[in-house]
Amino acid sequence: MSTAEPIMDADDMRDADWAILEVLREGRANAPLIAEQAGYSAQYVRERLGRLKQDDIVEPLGHGMYAINPEEIPNREDGDA
């Protein structure tokens, strides 16, 4: 049994989430590579990937690899108020 949480919008996105998406725009990657390129710890990146995956913003590809789901990325300008 799962309780569905609302999909993240731009207001819910953290700076780390945007940094993760920037790395994944270059192509698929695993958490340690994303962490290195984005400047966050691998543990924190894994936590954020879990949330991004929950909201279908990123997709797990297997073997620890992730890819971006472009249809689900919130518009960053929508969060700037």
PDB file of N, CA and C in Angstrom:
ATOM      1  N   MET A   1       0.846  -1.183   0.000  1.00  0.00           N
ATOM      2  CA  MET A   1       0.000   0.000   0.000  1.00  0.00           C
ATOM      3  C   MET A   1       0.883   1.235   0.000  1.00  0.00           C
ATOM      4  N   SER A   2       0.664   2.122  -0.943  1.00  0.00           N
ATOM      5  CA  SER A   2       1.464   3.338  -1.007  1.00  0.00           C
ATOM      6  C   SER A   2       0.547   4.546  -0.953  1.00  0.00           C
ATOM      7  N   THR A   3       1.065   5.592  -0.341  1.00  0.00           N
ATOM      8  CA  THR A   3       0.321   6.844  -0.318  1.00  0.00           C
ATOM      9  C   THR A   3       0.968   7.761  -1.332  1.00  0.00           C
ATOM     10  N   ALA A   4       0.189   8.199  -2.275  1.00  0.00           N
ATOM     11  CA  ALA A   4       0.732   9.037  -3.339  1.00  0.00           C
ATOM     12  C   ALA A   4       0.928  10.454  -2.830  1.00  0.00           C
ATOM     13  N   GLU A   5       2.126  10.966  -3.017  1.00  0.00           N
ATOM     14  CA  GLU A   5       2.406  12.356  -2.689  1.00  0.00           C
ATOM     15  C   GLU A   5       2.254  13.169  -3.964  1.00  0.00           C
ATOM     16  N   PRO A   6       1.964  14.445  -3.819  1.00  0.00           N
ATOM     17  CA  PRO A   6       1.818  15.259  -5.021  1.00  0.00           C
ATOM     18  C   PRO A   6       3.130  15.343  -5.795  1.00  0.00           C
ATOM     19  N   ILE A   7       2.997  15.514  -7.088  1.00  0.00           N
ATOM     20  CA  ILE A   7       4.163  15.684  -7.952  1.00  0.00           C
ATOM     21  C   ILE A   7       4.864  16.990  -7.581  1.00  0.00           C
ATOM     22  N   MET A   8       6.194  16.951  -7.580  1.00  0.00           N
ATOM     23  CA  MET A   8       6.957  18.159  -7.278  1.00  0.00           C
ATOM     24  C   MET A   8       6.720  19.199  -8.356  1.00  0.00           C
ATOM     25  N   ASP A   9       6.615  20.438  -7.931  1.00  0.00           N
ATOM     26  CA  ASP A   9       6.618  21.533  -8.889  1.00  0.00           C
ATOM     27  C   ASP A   9       7.891  22.333  -8.643  1.00  0.00           C
ATOM     28  N   ALA A  10       8.081  23.408  -9.364  1.00  0.00           N
ATOM     29  CA  ALA A  10       9.323  24.169  -9.275  1.00  0.00           C
ATOM     30  C   ALA A  10       9.576  24.684  -7.859  1.00  0.00           C
ATOM     31  N   ASP A  11       8.523  25.015  -7.116  1.00  0.00           N
ATOM     32  CA  ASP A  11       8.693  25.493  -5.743  1.00  0.00           C
ATOM     33  C   ASP A  11       9.245  24.414  -4.823  1.00  0.00           C
ATOM     34  N   ASP A  12       8.979  23.158  -5.128  1.00  0.00           N
ATOM     35  CA  ASP A  12       9.447  22.043  -4.304  1.00  0.00           C
ATOM     36  C   ASP A  12      10.877  21.634  -4.630  1.00  0.00           C
ATOM     37  N   MET A  13      11.364  22.037  -5.774  1.00  0.00           N
ATOM     38  CA  MET A  13      12.689  21.625  -6.224  1.00  0.00           C
ATOM     39  C   MET A  13      13.766  22.366  -5.432  1.00  0.00           C
ATOM     40  N   ARG A  14      14.768  21.634  -5.004  1.00  0.00           N
ATOM     41  CA  ARG A  14      15.916  22.207  -4.301  1.00  0.00           C
ATOM     42  C   ARG A  14      17.019  22.498  -5.312  1.00  0.00           C
ATOM     43  N   ASP A  15      17.986  23.312  -4.893  1.00  0.00           N
ATOM     44  CA  ASP A  15      19.131  23.597  -5.766  1.00  0.00           C
ATOM     45  C   ASP A  15      19.812  22.306  -6.200  1.00  0.00           C
ATOM     46  N   ALA A  16      19.898  21.347  -5.294  1.00  0.00           N
ATOM     47  CA  ALA A  16      20.520  20.060  -5.633  1.00  0.00           C
ATOM     48  C   ALA A  16      19.748  19.346  -6.733  1.00  0.00           C
ATOM     49  N   ASP A  17      18.419  19.444  -6.701  1.00  0.00           N
ATOM     50  CA  ASP A  17      17.606  18.798  -7.738  1.00  0.00           C
ATOM     51  C   ASP A  17      17.924  19.385  -9.105  1.00  0.00           C
ATOM     52  N   TRP A  18      18.006  20.710  -9.170  1.00  0.00           N
ATOM     53  CA  TRP A  18      18.328  21.355 -10.450  1.00  0.00           C
ATOM     54  C   TRP A  18      19.735  20.964 -10.909  1.00  0.00           C
ATOM     55  N   ALA A  19      20.683  20.861  -9.953  1.00  0.00           N
ATOM     56  CA  ALA A  19      22.052  20.458 -10.304  1.00  0.00           C
ATOM     57  C   ALA A  19      22.075  19.023 -10.830  1.00  0.00           C
ATOM     58  N   ILE A  20      21.300  18.147 -10.215  1.00  0.00           N
ATOM     59  CA  ILE A  20      21.200  16.756 -10.682  1.00  0.00           C
ATOM     60  C   ILE A  20      20.658  16.722 -12.103  1.00  0.00           C
ATOM     61  N   LEU A  21      19.619  17.494 -12.360  1.00  0.00           N
ATOM     62  CA  LEU A  21      19.031  17.521 -13.705  1.00  0.00           C
ATOM     63  C   LEU A  21      20.012  18.072 -14.728  1.00  0.00           C
ATOM     64  N   GLU A  22      20.816  19.055 -14.337  1.00  0.00           N
ATOM     65  CA  GLU A  22      21.829  19.589 -15.260  1.00  0.00           C
ATOM     66  C   GLU A  22      22.819  18.503 -15.659  1.00  0.00           C
ATOM     67  N   VAL A  23      23.256  17.699 -14.698  1.00  0.00           N
ATOM     68  CA  VAL A  23      24.181  16.600 -15.006  1.00  0.00           C
ATOM     69  C   VAL A  23      23.499  15.597 -15.927  1.00  0.00           C
ATOM     70  N   LEU A  24      22.256  15.247 -15.616  1.00  0.00           N
ATOM     71  CA  LEU A  24      21.556  14.239 -16.414  1.00  0.00           C
ATOM     72  C   LEU A  24      21.174  14.750 -17.799  1.00  0.00           C
ATOM     73  N   ARG A  25      21.145  16.048 -18.000  1.00  0.00           N
ATOM     74  CA  ARG A  25      20.901  16.583 -19.351  1.00  0.00           C
ATOM     75  C   ARG A  25      22.038  16.205 -20.303  1.00  0.00           C
ATOM     76  N   GLU A  26      23.209  15.951 -19.732  1.00  0.00           N
ATOM     77  CA  GLU A  26      24.368  15.544 -20.532  1.00  0.00           C
ATOM     78  C   GLU A  26      24.319  14.063 -20.884  1.00  0.00           C
ATOM     79  N   GLY A  27      23.459  13.312 -20.207  1.00  0.00           N
ATOM     80  CA  GLY A  27      23.338  11.875 -20.462  1.00  0.00           C
ATOM     81  C   GLY A  27      23.152  11.121 -19.168  1.00  0.00           C
ATOM     82  N   ARG A  28      22.904   9.840 -19.281  1.00  0.00           N
ATOM     83  CA  ARG A  28      22.653   9.033 -18.093  1.00  0.00           C
ATOM     84  C   ARG A  28      23.896   8.983 -17.209  1.00  0.00           C
ATOM     85  N   ALA A  29      23.658   8.782 -15.907  1.00  0.00           N
ATOM     86  CA  ALA A  29      24.762   8.768 -14.947  1.00  0.00           C
ATOM     87  C   ALA A  29      24.311   8.056 -13.682  1.00  0.00           C
ATOM     88  N   ASN A  30      25.293   7.660 -12.858  1.00  0.00           N
ATOM     89  CA  ASN A  30      24.982   7.066 -11.561  1.00  0.00           C
ATOM     90  C   ASN A  30      25.184   8.117 -10.465  1.00  0.00           C
ATOM     91  N   ALA A  31      24.749   7.792  -9.252  1.00  0.00           N
ATOM     92  CA  ALA A  31      24.790   8.758  -8.152  1.00  0.00           C
ATOM     93  C   ALA A  31      26.201   9.281  -7.862  1.00  0.00           C
ATOM     94  N   PRO A  32      27.234   8.431  -7.802  1.00  0.00           N
ATOM     95  CA  PRO A  32      28.567   8.970  -7.527  1.00  0.00           C
ATOM     96  C   PRO A  32      29.050   9.960  -8.598  1.00  0.00           C
ATOM     97  N   LEU A  33      28.765   9.678  -9.855  1.00  0.00           N
ATOM     98  CA  LEU A  33      29.166  10.599 -10.919  1.00  0.00           C
ATOM     99  C   LEU A  33      28.381  11.901 -10.826  1.00  0.00           C
ATOM    100  N   ILE A  34      27.083  11.799 -10.582  1.00  0.00           N
ATOM    101  CA  ILE A  34      26.256  13.000 -10.430  1.00  0.00           C
ATOM    102  C   ILE A  34      26.768  13.825  -9.253  1.00  0.00           C
ATOM    103  N   ALA A  35      27.057  13.157  -8.134  1.00  0.00           N
ATOM    104  CA  ALA A  35      27.544  13.849  -6.940  1.00  0.00           C
ATOM    105  C   ALA A  35      28.833  14.603  -7.234  1.00  0.00           C
ATOM    106  N   GLU A  36      29.743  13.944  -7.920  1.00  0.00           N
ATOM    107  CA  GLU A  36      31.026  14.570  -8.256  1.00  0.00           C
ATOM    108  C   GLU A  36      30.819  15.795  -9.135  1.00  0.00           C
ATOM    109  N   GLN A  37      29.992  15.669 -10.150  1.00  0.00           N
ATOM    110  CA  GLN A  37      29.797  16.767 -11.093  1.00  0.00           C
ATOM    111  C   GLN A  37      28.928  17.885 -10.524  1.00  0.00           C
ATOM    112  N   ALA A  38      28.001  17.541  -9.629  1.00  0.00           N
ATOM    113  CA  ALA A  38      27.083  18.539  -9.078  1.00  0.00           C
ATOM    114  C   ALA A  38      27.606  19.172  -7.786  1.00  0.00           C
ATOM    115  N   GLY A  39      28.601  18.551  -7.167  1.00  0.00           N
ATOM    116  CA  GLY A  39      29.179  19.118  -5.957  1.00  0.00           C
ATOM    117  C   GLY A  39      28.425  18.791  -4.675  1.00  0.00           C
ATOM    118  N   TYR A  40      27.764  17.655  -4.638  1.00  0.00           N
ATOM    119  CA  TYR A  40      27.043  17.196  -3.451  1.00  0.00           C
ATOM    120  C   TYR A  40      27.552  15.813  -3.073  1.00  0.00           C
ATOM    121  N   SER A  41      27.251  15.376  -1.853  1.00  0.00           N
ATOM    122  CA  SER A  41      27.664  14.033  -1.445  1.00  0.00           C
ATOM    123  C   SER A  41      26.829  12.994  -2.190  1.00  0.00           C
ATOM    124  N   ALA A  42      27.411  11.829  -2.387  1.00  0.00           N
ATOM    125  CA  ALA A  42      26.693  10.751  -3.075  1.00  0.00           C
ATOM    126  C   ALA A  42      25.447  10.351  -2.293  1.00  0.00           C
ATOM    127  N   GLN A  43      25.538  10.350  -0.960  1.00  0.00           N
ATOM    128  CA  GLN A  43      24.376   9.987  -0.142  1.00  0.00           C
ATOM    129  C   GLN A  43      23.236  10.978  -0.370  1.00  0.00           C
ATOM    130  N   TYR A  44      23.535  12.274  -0.378  1.00  0.00           N
ATOM    131  CA  TYR A  44      22.492  13.282  -0.589  1.00  0.00           C
ATOM    132  C   TYR A  44      21.908  13.169  -1.997  1.00  0.00           C
ATOM    133  N   VAL A  45      22.761  12.935  -2.982  1.00  0.00           N
ATOM    134  CA  VAL A  45      22.280  12.767  -4.356  1.00  0.00           C
ATOM    135  C   VAL A  45      21.353  11.562  -4.438  1.00  0.00           C
ATOM    136  N   ARG A  46      21.698  10.466  -3.779  1.00  0.00           N
ATOM    137  CA  ARG A  46      20.815   9.289  -3.780  1.00  0.00           C
ATOM    138  C   ARG A  46      19.453   9.623  -3.167  1.00  0.00           C
ATOM    139  N   GLU A  47      19.455  10.391  -2.076  1.00  0.00           N
ATOM    140  CA  GLU A  47      18.185  10.801  -1.454  1.00  0.00           C
ATOM    141  C   GLU A  47      17.344  11.622  -2.432  1.00  0.00           C
ATOM    142  N   ARG A  48      17.973  12.575  -3.085  1.00  0.00           N
ATOM    143  CA  ARG A  48      17.247  13.442  -4.014  1.00  0.00           C
ATOM    144  C   ARG A  48      16.807  12.660  -5.246  1.00  0.00           C
ATOM    145  N   LEU A  49      17.640  11.732  -5.730  1.00  0.00           N
ATOM    146  CA  LEU A  49      17.236  10.891  -6.858  1.00  0.00           C
ATOM    147  C   LEU A  49      16.003  10.075  -6.498  1.00  0.00           C
ATOM    148  N   GLY A  50      15.943   9.606  -5.257  1.00  0.00           N
ATOM    149  CA  GLY A  50      14.763   8.863  -4.812  1.00  0.00           C
ATOM    150  C   GLY A  50      13.505   9.701  -4.920  1.00  0.00           C
ATOM    151  N   ARG A  51      13.597  10.957  -4.522  1.00  0.00           N
ATOM    152  CA  ARG A  51      12.427  11.845  -4.608  1.00  0.00           C
ATOM    153  C   ARG A  51      12.109  12.172  -6.067  1.00  0.00           C
ATOM    154  N   LEU A  52      13.132  12.447  -6.851  1.00  0.00           N
ATOM    155  CA  LEU A  52      12.913  12.743  -8.274  1.00  0.00           C
ATOM    156  C   LEU A  52      12.331  11.530  -8.995  1.00  0.00           C
ATOM    157  N   LYS A  53      12.767  10.341  -8.605  1.00  0.00           N
ATOM    158  CA  LYS A  53      12.227   9.107  -9.193  1.00  0.00           C
ATOM    159  C   LYS A  53      10.769   8.922  -8.793  1.00  0.00           C
ATOM    160  N   GLN A  54      10.462   9.204  -7.547  1.00  0.00           N
ATOM    161  CA  GLN A  54       9.091   9.072  -7.047  1.00  0.00           C
ATOM    162  C   GLN A  54       8.132   9.932  -7.874  1.00  0.00           C
ATOM    163  N   ASP A  55       8.595  11.072  -8.319  1.00  0.00           N
ATOM    164  CA  ASP A  55       7.760  11.986  -9.099  1.00  0.00           C
ATOM    165  C   ASP A  55       7.990  11.855 -10.601  1.00  0.00           C
ATOM    166  N   ASP A  56       8.649  10.772 -11.017  1.00  0.00           N
ATOM    167  CA  ASP A  56       8.879  10.458 -12.435  1.00  0.00           C
ATOM    168  C   ASP A  56       9.701  11.508 -13.173  1.00  0.00           C
ATOM    169  N   ILE A  57      10.479  12.304 -12.446  1.00  0.00           N
ATOM    170  CA  ILE A  57      11.327  13.305 -13.086  1.00  0.00           C
ATOM    171  C   ILE A  57      12.595  12.647 -13.615  1.00  0.00           C
ATOM    172  N   VAL A  58      13.070  11.619 -12.920  1.00  0.00           N
ATOM    173  CA  VAL A  58      14.176  10.801 -13.420  1.00  0.00           C
ATOM    174  C   VAL A  58      13.710   9.355 -13.462  1.00  0.00           C
ATOM    175  N   GLU A  59      14.374   8.572 -14.302  1.00  0.00           N
ATOM    176  CA  GLU A  59      14.033   7.158 -14.461  1.00  0.00           C
ATOM    177  C   GLU A  59      15.245   6.307 -14.120  1.00  0.00           C
ATOM    178  N   PRO A  60      15.066   5.264 -13.303  1.00  0.00           N
ATOM    179  CA  PRO A  60      16.163   4.325 -13.086  1.00  0.00           C
ATOM    180  C   PRO A  60      16.307   3.429 -14.311  1.00  0.00           C
ATOM    181  N   LEU A  61      17.536   3.236 -14.735  1.00  0.00           N
ATOM    182  CA  LEU A  61      17.800   2.417 -15.921  1.00  0.00           C
ATOM    183  C   LEU A  61      18.357   1.049 -15.558  1.00  0.00           C
ATOM    184  N   GLY A  62      18.599   0.825 -14.282  1.00  0.00           N
ATOM    185  CA  GLY A  62      19.231  -0.414 -13.846  1.00  0.00           C
ATOM    186  C   GLY A  62      20.709  -0.195 -13.602  1.00  0.00           C
ATOM    187  N   HIS A  63      21.294  -1.042 -12.782  1.00  0.00           N
ATOM    188  CA  HIS A  63      22.718  -0.968 -12.440  1.00  0.00           C
ATOM    189  C   HIS A  63      23.096   0.398 -11.881  1.00  0.00           C
ATOM    190  N   GLY A  64      22.163   1.057 -11.177  1.00  0.00           N
ATOM    191  CA  GLY A  64      22.450   2.337 -10.538  1.00  0.00           C
ATOM    192  C   GLY A  64      22.454   3.540 -11.454  1.00  0.00           C
ATOM    193  N   MET A  65      22.096   3.338 -12.702  1.00  0.00           N
ATOM    194  CA  MET A  65      22.101   4.443 -13.666  1.00  0.00           C
ATOM    195  C   MET A  65      20.736   5.127 -13.705  1.00  0.00           C
ATOM    196  N   TYR A  66      20.754   6.438 -13.947  1.00  0.00           N
ATOM    197  CA  TYR A  66      19.533   7.234 -14.041  1.00  0.00           C
ATOM    198  C   TYR A  66      19.556   8.058 -15.313  1.00  0.00           C
ATOM    199  N   ALA A  67      18.365   8.362 -15.796  1.00  0.00           N
ATOM    200  CA  ALA A  67      18.195   9.248 -16.951  1.00  0.00           C
ATOM    201  C   ALA A  67      17.077  10.227 -16.622  1.00  0.00           C
ATOM    202  N   ILE A  68      17.068  11.303 -17.333  1.00  0.00           N
ATOM    203  CA  ILE A  68      16.071  12.349 -17.141  1.00  0.00           C
ATOM    204  C   ILE A  68      14.799  11.996 -17.905  1.00  0.00           C
ATOM    205  N   ASN A  69      13.658  12.368 -17.366  1.00  0.00           N
ATOM    206  CA  ASN A  69      12.372  12.212 -18.040  1.00  0.00           C
ATOM    207  C   ASN A  69      11.904  13.620 -18.413  1.00  0.00           C
ATOM    208  N   PRO A  70      12.246  14.104 -19.608  1.00  0.00           N
ATOM    209  CA  PRO A  70      12.027  15.513 -19.949  1.00  0.00           C
ATOM    210  C   PRO A  70      10.581  15.974 -19.860  1.00  0.00           C
ATOM    211  N   GLU A  71       9.631  15.082 -20.041  1.00  0.00           N
ATOM    212  CA  GLU A  71       8.220  15.493 -19.992  1.00  0.00           C
ATOM    213  C   GLU A  71       7.790  15.892 -18.588  1.00  0.00           C
ATOM    214  N   GLU A  72       8.514  15.454 -17.571  1.00  0.00           N
ATOM    215  CA  GLU A  72       8.088  15.679 -16.188  1.00  0.00           C
ATOM    216  C   GLU A  72       8.880  16.760 -15.461  1.00  0.00           C
ATOM    217  N   ILE A  73       9.810  17.433 -16.132  1.00  0.00           N
ATOM    218  CA  ILE A  73      10.615  18.449 -15.464  1.00  0.00           C
ATOM    219  C   ILE A  73       9.772  19.704 -15.251  1.00  0.00           C
ATOM    220  N   PRO A  74       9.679  20.171 -13.992  1.00  0.00           N
ATOM    221  CA  PRO A  74       8.946  21.421 -13.763  1.00  0.00           C
ATOM    222  C   PRO A  74       9.662  22.589 -14.435  1.00  0.00           C
ATOM    223  N   ASN A  75       8.917  23.612 -14.772  1.00  0.00           N
ATOM    224  CA  ASN A  75       9.494  24.824 -15.342  1.00  0.00           C
ATOM    225  C   ASN A  75      10.081  25.636 -14.201  1.00  0.00           C
ATOM    226  N   ARG A  76      11.388  25.863 -14.223  1.00  0.00           N
ATOM    227  CA  ARG A  76      12.061  26.550 -13.116  1.00  0.00           C
ATOM    228  C   ARG A  76      11.507  27.953 -12.899  1.00  0.00           C
ATOM    229  N   GLU A  77      11.115  28.639 -13.955  1.00  0.00           N
ATOM    230  CA  GLU A  77      10.589  29.993 -13.826  1.00  0.00           C
ATOM    231  C   GLU A  77       9.295  30.016 -13.021  1.00  0.00           C
ATOM    232  N   ASP A  78       8.547  28.911 -13.021  1.00  0.00           N
ATOM    233  CA  ASP A  78       7.300  28.856 -12.257  1.00  0.00           C
ATOM    234  C   ASP A  78       7.556  28.945 -10.760  1.00  0.00           C
ATOM    235  N   GLY A  79       8.751  28.599 -10.321  1.00  0.00           N
ATOM    236  CA  GLY A  79       9.066  28.640  -8.898  1.00  0.00           C
ATOM    237  C   GLY A  79       9.649  29.954  -8.447  1.00  0.00           C
ATOM    238  N   ASP A  80      10.009  30.829  -9.363  1.00  0.00           N
ATOM    239  CA  ASP A  80      10.577  32.129  -9.018  1.00  0.00           C
ATOM    240  C   ASP A  80       9.460  33.135  -8.850  1.00  0.00           C
ATOM    241  N   ALA A  81       9.186  33.481  -7.616  1.00  0.00           N
ATOM    242  CA  ALA A  81       8.101  34.436  -7.385  1.00  0.00           C
ATOM    243  C   ALA A  81       8.628  35.711  -6.797  1.00  0.00           C
TER     244      ALA A  81
END
